[in-house]
Amino acid sequence: QVQVVESGGGLVQAGGSLRLSCAASGRTNTIYEMGWFRQAPGKGREFVGSITWSSGNTWYTDSVKGRFTISRDNAKNTMYLEMNSLQGADTAVYYCGSRRVSGARYEYWGQGTQVTVST
């Protein structure tokens, strides 16, 4: 199994920046990809972006392209989400997840970290 723990959420003004971290532990050698998702009040969980663990290739949903950047530190088994030019619509609980196989469902999830953007 893989355990993942998010951190770094908080309150930020619109236009500001925040960096989230997701630390993985356990059988990290089985990770194929890690992703960031978010869930705003009254809405479903939304894909934000992901990174392939070995190659570092990244993907983003259109609404965050150019503003958010995902990176990882393999030595620390940690994924990051750098968020810039934050907007009120970015307010949500942010979750990280991991999966072992390309295209498969994300299997392991963190507890989430709240990001609130004041406008």
Protein backbone atom coordinates (compact mmCIF):
# COMPACT_ATOMS: atom_id res chain seq x y z
CA GLN A 1 0.00 0.00 0.00
CA VAL A 2 0.87 3.66 -0.39
CA GLN A 3 0.01 6.35 2.10
CA VAL A 4 -0.22 9.97 1.02
CA VAL A 5 -0.53 13.06 3.19
CA GLU A 6 -1.27 16.56 1.93
CA SER A 7 -0.12 19.76 3.57
CA GLY A 8 0.23 23.45 2.84
CA GLY A 9 -3.34 24.63 2.53
CA GLY A 10 -4.56 27.88 3.98
CA LEU A 11 -6.18 31.23 3.38
CA VAL A 12 -4.82 33.47 0.62
CA GLN A 13 -6.01 36.59 -1.13
CA ALA A 14 -7.05 36.52 -4.75
CA GLY A 15 -4.02 36.88 -6.97
CA GLY A 16 -1.78 35.27 -4.38
CA SER A 17 0.17 32.04 -4.35
CA LEU A 18 0.29 28.87 -2.32
CA ARG A 19 2.24 25.64 -2.50
CA LEU A 20 0.78 22.31 -1.52
CA SER A 21 2.80 19.20 -0.76
CA CYS A 22 1.86 15.55 -0.91
CA ALA A 23 4.21 13.16 0.87
CA ALA A 24 4.02 9.49 -0.06
CA SER A 25 5.17 6.58 2.07
CA GLY A 26 4.90 2.81 2.04
CA ARG A 27 5.39 0.99 -1.25
CA THR A 28 6.37 4.12 -3.14
CA ASN A 29 8.27 2.05 -5.70
CA THR A 30 4.88 0.96 -7.06
CA ILE A 31 3.68 4.47 -7.86
CA TYR A 32 3.09 5.11 -11.53
CA GLU A 33 1.41 8.47 -11.27
CA MET A 34 0.25 10.94 -8.65
CA GLY A 35 -2.46 13.49 -9.10
CA TRP A 36 -4.11 16.50 -7.53
CA PHE A 37 -7.87 16.76 -7.29
CA ARG A 38 -10.12 19.30 -5.64
CA GLN A 39 -13.65 19.47 -4.36
CA ALA A 40 -15.46 22.76 -3.92
CA PRO A 41 -18.50 23.04 -1.65
CA GLY A 42 -21.52 21.40 -3.23
CA LYS A 43 -19.54 20.04 -6.18
CA GLY A 44 -17.95 16.79 -7.15
CA ARG A 45 -14.26 15.98 -7.04
CA GLU A 46 -12.44 17.56 -9.98
CA PHE A 47 -9.14 16.57 -11.59
CA VAL A 48 -6.55 19.35 -11.33
CA GLY A 49 -3.41 17.75 -12.71
CA SER A 50 -1.05 14.84 -12.46
CA ILE A 51 2.57 13.81 -12.84
CA THR A 52 4.07 10.56 -13.96
CA TRP A 53 6.47 9.48 -11.27
CA SER A 54 9.31 8.20 -13.44
CA SER A 55 9.28 10.63 -16.35
CA GLY A 56 7.92 13.74 -14.69
CA ASN A 57 5.40 14.32 -17.47
CA THR A 58 2.54 16.51 -16.32
CA TRP A 59 -1.07 17.09 -17.29
CA TYR A 60 -3.46 19.87 -16.19
CA THR A 61 -7.08 20.68 -16.46
CA ASP A 62 -7.67 23.71 -18.67
CA SER A 63 -8.77 26.02 -15.87
CA VAL A 64 -5.38 25.87 -14.13
CA LYS A 65 -3.02 25.76 -17.11
CA GLY A 66 -0.47 28.55 -16.89
CA ARG A 67 -1.25 29.16 -13.21
CA PHE A 68 -0.55 25.85 -11.48
CA THR A 69 2.61 23.76 -11.70
CA ILE A 70 3.06 20.19 -10.50
CA SER A 71 6.49 18.87 -9.65
CA ARG A 72 7.96 16.03 -7.67
CA ASP A 73 11.02 15.18 -5.66
CA ASN A 74 11.63 11.46 -6.07
CA ALA A 75 14.21 11.38 -3.30
CA LYS A 76 11.66 12.74 -0.85
CA ASN A 77 8.71 10.88 -2.38
CA THR A 78 6.88 14.17 -2.44
CA MET A 79 4.72 15.86 -5.03
CA TYR A 80 4.08 19.58 -5.08
CA LEU A 81 1.38 21.86 -6.45
CA GLU A 82 2.51 25.42 -6.95
CA MET A 83 -0.55 27.62 -7.34
CA ASN A 84 -0.25 31.17 -8.63
CA SER A 85 -2.76 33.86 -9.58
CA LEU A 86 -5.30 32.20 -7.32
CA GLN A 87 -8.95 32.95 -7.90
CA GLY A 88 -12.07 32.52 -5.83
CA ALA A 89 -13.03 29.57 -8.02
CA ASP A 90 -9.92 27.77 -6.75
CA THR A 91 -11.38 27.55 -3.26
CA ALA A 92 -11.74 23.87 -2.46
CA VAL A 93 -10.40 20.97 -0.50
CA TYR A 94 -7.39 19.68 -2.40
CA TYR A 95 -6.61 15.98 -2.41
CA CYS A 96 -3.71 14.02 -3.73
CA GLY A 97 -3.98 10.49 -4.97
CA SER A 98 -1.74 7.84 -6.44
CA ARG A 99 -2.16 4.95 -8.82
CA ARG A 100 -0.01 2.07 -9.89
CA VAL A 101 -1.17 1.70 -13.47
CA SER A 102 -1.68 4.19 -16.26
CA GLY A 103 -5.36 4.84 -16.84
CA ALA A 104 -6.46 2.93 -13.76
CA ARG A 105 -8.44 4.48 -10.95
CA TYR A 106 -6.54 6.33 -8.26
CA GLU A 107 -6.23 3.90 -5.38
CA TYR A 108 -4.74 5.81 -2.49
CA TRP A 109 -5.94 9.16 -1.23
CA GLY A 110 -4.96 11.68 1.37
CA GLN A 111 -7.29 13.37 3.80
CA GLY A 112 -7.27 16.66 1.90
CA THR A 113 -6.13 20.18 2.69
CA GLN A 114 -8.34 23.26 2.56
CA VAL A 115 -7.47 26.12 0.24
CA THR A 116 -9.54 29.26 0.63
CA VAL A 117 -9.09 32.23 -1.69
CA SER A 118 -10.57 35.47 -0.43
CA THR A 119 -11.94 37.87 -3.02
